Amino acid sequence: MGRYVMKRLLSAVPVLMIVGIIAFALSHLSGGDPARVVAGNDATTEQVEAIREQMGLNASLPNQLWTWFVNMLHGDLGYSYILNEKVTPTILSHVFPTLSVALFGELIALAIAIPLGVLAADKHGRLADKIVLAFATLTTSLPSFLAGLLLMILFVLQLKLLPASGFVYPSDDFAGYITHLILPAVSVATLQIALISRMSRSSMIDALGSDYIRTAAAKGLPRSKQLWGHAFKNSSIPILTIVGQSFGELIAGAIVVETVFNVPGIGQLVVNSILRRDYQMIQGIMIFVALVFIIVNLITDVLYAVIDPRIRERSF
C-alpha cells in the first residue's frame, strides 16, 4: 500500500509542474506590471525599478520560472508584495472555511442523494423513480450561487432561521459554526445531489438485476438487506468514482458560494487577489487547488482497493 501511494505521489510531480507553467504563463500574459501595482500610480520610475529588482522581475522568464519551481518544491509558493506576506501561510489561513463548506456539503449530498438513488432503483419505472429523476434534473440546472441566493431569501429574509453571511470558527462557537455552514453547504451540495443520485440509481438498477439478488430474494432475504447489504455494496465503486471526480467541482462551487455568503475562504482570497493583481498569490492558489485535486484522486484510488479486493491484488 505504501509503495503504491508513493508511486502516485511521484506521478503527481509532472502534473504540478504543468499546472505551475500554466499559472506562471497566465500571470505574465495577463498584462500589467506587478511592480507598478505595488509601488502605486504616483511612484517614480526609479522606485518602480527598485521594486522590480526586489521582486526578481528583472531576471529572464526562464530564470524566474526555475526559481519559482525550486521554491515550490520546498513548500514556498512565493511572496505577496501586495499583502506583504508569504503566499503559503496566507493560503493555509483561508483553507479551513473552504474545506468546511466543501466537506459539509459533501456529507449533505451523500445523505440525500444515496437514499434517493436507492429508492429510485428499487421503484424503477414507477412514480417515486420519476420524482427522483425530476428532482435530479432540477438540481442539475441550478447553479450553486443561484441556489445560495434562493436559500438566503427563504431561510434568512422570510423565515429568519439562519444567519445570512459570515463564518464562525468551531473553537469560538461550535453551534454558530454549524448554523453559518448550513446555507453555503446546501448551496454547493445541489449539483452533487443530482450527480450522485443519478449514479446511485443507475448502478443499483444494474445490481438489482443480477443473479445474486434474485438468489437472495428466493431465499427470503428482507428487501432492505437485498438493497443495502448486497446491491449497494457492489454498486459502491461507480458511486465512489463520481464522488471523487466531482469533489473538485464541489470545491469550485464552494469558492463561488463563499462570495455570496461572505465566507473568508479560498474563494474570497481568489477574488481579492485578482482585483489587486496579486500574481504571486494567484499562482500559489492555482498550485494549491491542483494539489487538492491530486490528493482527492489518490484517496479515491486507495478506497477502490479497500472496497474491491481484485483492485487491491492488481495494484499492490
Foldseek 3Di string as FASTA:
>chain_A
DVVLLVVLVVVCVVVLLVLLVVLLVCLVPVDDDLLCLLQDPPDDPVSSVVSCVVQVVVDDSVVVSVVCVVCVVVVFLAAFSNVRGTQRVVQVVQAVLLVLLLVLLLVVLCVQQLVLLLVLLVVPPDDSVVVSLVLLVVLQPQALQNQLVVCCCPCCVPVNPADQAEADDCVVPVVNRVRRSVSSSNSLNSNSSSQLNVLSNVQLNVLCPDPVLVVCVVVVNDPVCSRPVGSCLVSVLSSLVSSLVCSLVSSVSSLVNCVRRVYSHPNVVCVVCVVSSRSSNSSVSSSVSSVVSSVSVSVSLVVVCVSDVVSVVVSD
